[in-house]
Amino acid sequence: MKLAGEHTFPIARERLWVALLDPGLLARVLPGCEPLEPVVTGSTPSWRAAMTLKVGPVQGRFTGTLALAELDPPNGYRMQIDGSGPAGFLRGAGRITLVETAGATTLGYELDAQVGGRVAAVGQRLVESSARAFARQGLEGLERELAARATPTDAAAASGASAAAARLPPSQAAFAARFARGLWRELPAGWRYGALALAAALLAALALLARGC
C-alpha cells in the first residue's frame, strides 16, 4: 500500500518542525493514540506506541514503535512504523517533508506500507481509504492544536505591548512598534514568545519613566 498527500499549515516551518518532534502533542492529535513512550535506540527519536484503529468492520488495538531517521531540520525526516495486534500487523517506511512559502508551510508525506491479518482481509481499497482518513484527521487535529496554542498567547502579548505603547509619547510609541515588528521577523520561532514578554516588560518600564519625567 502506498499513501501520499500534503497539508498546508499557516505557520513558519521551524514551529511545525518542533511540533512534529513533540510526542505529547502527537499523541493528542492522532486518532486513537495512547501516550507515546520514548525508547532509547541511539541518537534519533524513537517511541513505543499503542493505538486503537478501525478499518471497516475490523477494530483492534495495535502496539509497536515509531522511529525517525535522517533528521534534516527543519526540512524533514524519514520514519519507520512497525505495529501488530490481534487484528493484524502494519509495517511501513516513509518520508515527511516541510516546504515554507510566504509564511505558510506545506507538509508532504509518502509512506510505503504492508498490512496483514484480518485488517488486510477487508480489502485494499477500504484499507487505503481508512489510512487517508486517519492521516487527514491527524493533520487537521495538529493544525487545530497549534492554532489553539498560538492564539491566546499572541493575543495577550500583543494586547499588553499595545497598551504599554499607548502610554508612551508618540515618538517613543512609534519607535517601539517598529522595533517590535522587526524583532518578531528576525527571531527564530521558538524564541518569539519569550521575546514578546520581555518587550512588554520593557515598554511598561519606559512608560513609567516617561510618566515620572
Protein backbone atom coordinates (compact mmCIF):
# COMPACT_ATOMS: atom_id res chain seq x y z
CA MET A 1 0.00 0.00 0.00
CA LYS A 2 1.26 3.46 -0.93
CA LEU A 3 -0.01 6.53 0.91
CA ALA A 4 0.87 10.09 -0.09
CA GLY A 5 -0.56 13.55 0.44
CA GLU A 6 0.06 17.01 1.81
CA HIS A 7 -1.40 19.57 4.19
CA THR A 8 -0.64 23.29 4.47
CA PHE A 9 -0.25 24.92 7.89
CA PRO A 10 -0.43 28.73 8.27
CA ILE A 11 2.73 28.83 10.39
CA ALA A 12 6.50 29.02 9.98
CA ARG A 13 8.36 25.84 9.13
CA GLU A 14 10.54 25.94 12.28
CA ARG A 15 7.47 25.93 14.51
CA LEU A 16 5.91 22.99 12.67
CA TRP A 17 9.20 21.09 12.89
CA VAL A 18 9.26 21.44 16.67
CA ALA A 19 5.64 20.23 16.87
CA LEU A 20 6.42 17.11 14.83
CA LEU A 21 9.04 16.08 17.40
CA ASP A 22 6.74 16.59 20.39
CA PRO A 23 5.48 13.12 21.47
CA GLY A 24 2.84 14.57 23.81
CA LEU A 25 1.37 16.69 21.04
CA LEU A 26 1.43 13.86 18.50
CA ALA A 27 -0.37 11.52 20.89
CA ARG A 28 -3.15 14.09 21.36
CA VAL A 29 -3.80 14.68 17.67
CA LEU A 30 -3.52 11.13 16.27
CA PRO A 31 -6.91 9.37 16.42
CA GLY A 32 -6.99 6.54 18.96
CA CYS A 33 -3.37 7.05 20.02
CA GLU A 34 -2.21 6.43 23.58
CA PRO A 35 0.70 8.36 25.17
CA LEU A 36 4.00 7.73 23.39
CA GLU A 37 6.83 6.25 25.46
CA PRO A 38 10.43 7.09 24.45
CA VAL A 39 12.70 4.20 23.50
CA VAL A 40 16.48 4.59 23.79
CA THR A 41 17.82 3.30 20.46
CA GLY A 42 20.59 5.79 19.65
CA SER A 43 20.76 9.40 18.60
CA THR A 44 17.46 9.52 16.69
CA PRO A 45 13.97 9.77 18.28
CA SER A 46 12.03 6.55 18.75
CA TRP A 47 8.82 5.90 20.65
CA ARG A 48 6.78 2.90 21.71
CA ALA A 49 3.19 3.48 20.61
CA ALA A 50 -0.22 1.93 21.09
CA MET A 51 -3.42 2.90 19.33
CA THR A 52 -6.88 1.61 18.58
CA LEU A 53 -7.72 1.55 14.88
CA LYS A 54 -10.90 0.73 12.98
CA VAL A 55 -10.81 -0.41 9.36
CA GLY A 56 -14.29 -1.19 8.12
CA PRO A 57 -15.75 -3.91 10.35
CA VAL A 58 -12.36 -4.71 11.92
CA GLN A 59 -11.25 -2.86 15.03
CA GLY A 60 -8.31 -3.63 17.27
CA ARG A 61 -5.51 -2.31 19.44
CA PHE A 62 -2.07 -2.22 17.88
CA THR A 63 1.26 -1.80 19.66
CA GLY A 64 4.63 -1.13 18.12
CA THR A 65 7.29 1.50 17.51
CA LEU A 66 7.66 4.74 15.59
CA ALA A 67 11.28 5.61 14.77
CA LEU A 68 12.68 8.66 12.99
CA ALA A 69 15.89 8.79 10.96
CA GLU A 70 17.82 11.10 8.62
CA LEU A 71 16.63 14.18 10.50
CA ASP A 72 17.21 17.31 8.42
CA PRO A 73 15.83 20.22 10.48
CA PRO A 74 13.62 21.90 9.52
CA ASN A 75 13.22 20.22 6.11
CA GLY A 76 12.01 16.73 7.05
CA TYR A 77 12.91 13.20 8.09
CA ARG A 78 12.34 9.53 7.37
CA MET A 79 10.12 7.41 9.59
CA GLN A 80 9.71 3.71 10.27
CA ILE A 81 6.49 2.21 11.65
CA ASP A 82 6.14 -1.32 12.99
CA GLY A 83 2.95 -2.38 14.77
CA SER A 84 0.91 -5.50 15.42
CA GLY A 85 -2.12 -6.75 17.32
CA PRO A 86 -4.83 -9.41 17.32
CA ALA A 87 -6.35 -7.87 14.18
CA GLY A 88 -3.15 -7.97 12.12
CA PHE A 89 0.06 -6.07 11.55
CA LEU A 90 1.34 -2.90 9.90
CA ARG A 91 4.88 -2.21 8.74
CA GLY A 92 5.88 0.85 6.81
CA ALA A 93 8.54 3.39 5.95
CA GLY A 94 8.19 6.84 4.51
CA ARG A 95 9.31 10.45 4.45
CA ILE A 96 7.97 13.73 5.80
CA THR A 97 8.96 16.97 4.02
CA LEU A 98 8.34 20.57 5.03
CA VAL A 99 8.33 23.40 2.48
CA GLU A 100 7.68 27.00 3.53
CA THR A 101 6.18 29.58 1.18
CA ALA A 102 5.01 33.08 2.14
CA GLY A 103 4.70 32.33 5.84
CA ALA A 104 2.85 29.02 5.39
CA THR A 105 4.34 25.53 5.49
CA THR A 106 3.25 22.56 3.38
CA LEU A 107 3.81 19.16 4.97
CA GLY A 108 4.15 16.39 2.42
CA TYR A 109 4.15 12.71 3.31
CA GLU A 110 4.87 9.46 1.45
CA LEU A 111 4.52 6.03 3.03
CA ASP A 112 5.01 2.51 1.70
CA ALA A 113 3.29 0.03 3.99
CA GLN A 114 2.48 -3.66 4.32
CA VAL A 115 -0.71 -4.71 6.08
CA GLY A 116 -1.61 -8.26 7.07
CA GLY A 117 -4.08 -10.30 9.09
CA ARG A 118 -7.78 -9.55 9.49
CA VAL A 119 -7.17 -5.88 8.66
CA ALA A 120 -5.89 -6.78 5.19
CA ALA A 121 -8.84 -9.13 4.63
CA VAL A 122 -11.27 -6.19 4.35
CA GLY A 123 -9.72 -5.23 1.01
CA GLN A 124 -7.04 -2.82 -0.19
CA ARG A 125 -9.45 -0.07 -1.17
CA LEU A 126 -11.02 0.10 2.29
CA VAL A 127 -7.60 -0.06 3.96
CA GLU A 128 -6.33 2.83 1.83
CA SER A 129 -9.47 4.89 2.45
CA SER A 130 -9.15 4.35 6.20
CA ALA A 131 -5.45 5.27 6.11
CA ARG A 132 -6.15 8.51 4.23
CA ALA A 133 -8.90 9.40 6.70
CA PHE A 134 -6.54 8.69 9.61
CA ALA A 135 -3.83 10.91 8.13
CA ARG A 136 -6.29 13.72 7.38
CA GLN A 137 -7.76 13.66 10.89
CA GLY A 138 -4.29 13.70 12.44
CA LEU A 139 -3.07 16.64 10.35
CA GLU A 140 -6.25 18.63 10.91
CA GLY A 141 -6.01 17.91 14.64
CA LEU A 142 -2.40 19.12 14.65
CA GLU A 143 -3.41 22.35 12.92
CA ARG A 144 -6.18 22.97 15.47
CA GLU A 145 -3.84 22.25 18.37
CA LEU A 146 -1.19 24.65 17.08
CA ALA A 147 -3.78 27.35 16.44
CA ALA A 148 -5.18 26.95 19.96
CA ARG A 149 -1.66 27.19 21.42
CA ALA A 150 -0.75 30.31 19.48
CA THR A 151 -3.89 32.42 19.61
CA PRO A 152 -4.27 33.16 23.35
CA THR A 153 -0.54 33.79 23.82
CA ASP A 154 -0.19 36.01 20.79
CA ALA A 155 -3.34 37.96 21.56
CA ALA A 156 -2.41 38.54 25.20
CA ALA A 157 1.16 39.54 24.35
CA ALA A 158 0.04 41.87 21.57
CA SER A 159 -2.58 43.45 23.83
CA GLY A 160 -0.04 44.02 26.61
CA ALA A 161 2.51 45.52 24.22
CA SER A 162 -0.10 47.79 22.61
CA ALA A 163 -1.36 49.05 25.99
CA ALA A 164 2.18 49.83 27.13
CA ALA A 165 3.00 51.60 23.87
CA ALA A 166 -0.14 53.70 24.12
CA ARG A 167 1.14 55.21 27.38
CA LEU A 168 4.36 56.42 25.74
CA PRO A 169 4.79 59.76 23.95
CA PRO A 170 4.03 59.39 20.16
CA SER A 171 7.66 59.29 19.05
CA GLN A 172 8.55 56.62 21.62
CA ALA A 173 5.48 54.55 20.75
CA ALA A 174 6.29 54.66 17.02
CA PHE A 175 9.87 53.61 17.67
CA ALA A 176 8.74 50.79 19.97
CA ALA A 177 6.24 49.49 17.39
CA ARG A 178 8.84 49.46 14.60
CA PHE A 179 11.34 47.72 16.85
CA ALA A 180 8.84 45.06 17.89
CA ARG A 181 7.87 44.31 14.28
CA GLY A 182 11.47 43.97 13.18
CA LEU A 183 12.40 41.83 16.16
CA TRP A 184 9.46 39.48 15.53
CA ARG A 185 10.50 38.91 11.92
CA GLU A 186 14.13 38.20 12.76
CA LEU A 187 13.79 35.94 15.80
CA PRO A 188 13.55 32.12 15.43
CA ALA A 189 10.02 30.90 16.04
CA GLY A 190 10.90 29.19 19.33
CA TRP A 191 12.19 32.44 20.84
CA ARG A 192 9.36 34.76 19.88
CA TYR A 193 7.04 34.28 22.82
CA GLY A 194 9.70 34.89 25.43
CA ALA A 195 10.81 37.95 23.47
CA LEU A 196 7.27 39.30 23.45
CA ALA A 197 7.03 39.02 27.22
CA LEU A 198 10.37 40.82 27.58
CA ALA A 199 9.32 43.52 25.11
CA ALA A 200 6.09 44.12 27.02
CA ALA A 201 8.04 44.48 30.27
CA LEU A 202 10.46 46.94 28.67
CA LEU A 203 7.61 49.01 27.25
CA ALA A 204 5.93 49.13 30.66
CA ALA A 205 9.21 50.32 32.23
CA LEU A 206 9.57 53.05 29.58
CA ALA A 207 6.00 54.13 30.25
CA LEU A 208 6.71 54.51 33.97
CA LEU A 209 9.87 56.51 33.26
CA ALA A 210 8.02 58.76 30.81
CA ARG A 211 5.24 59.36 33.33
CA GLY A 212 7.76 60.24 36.04
CA CYS A 213 9.60 62.80 33.87
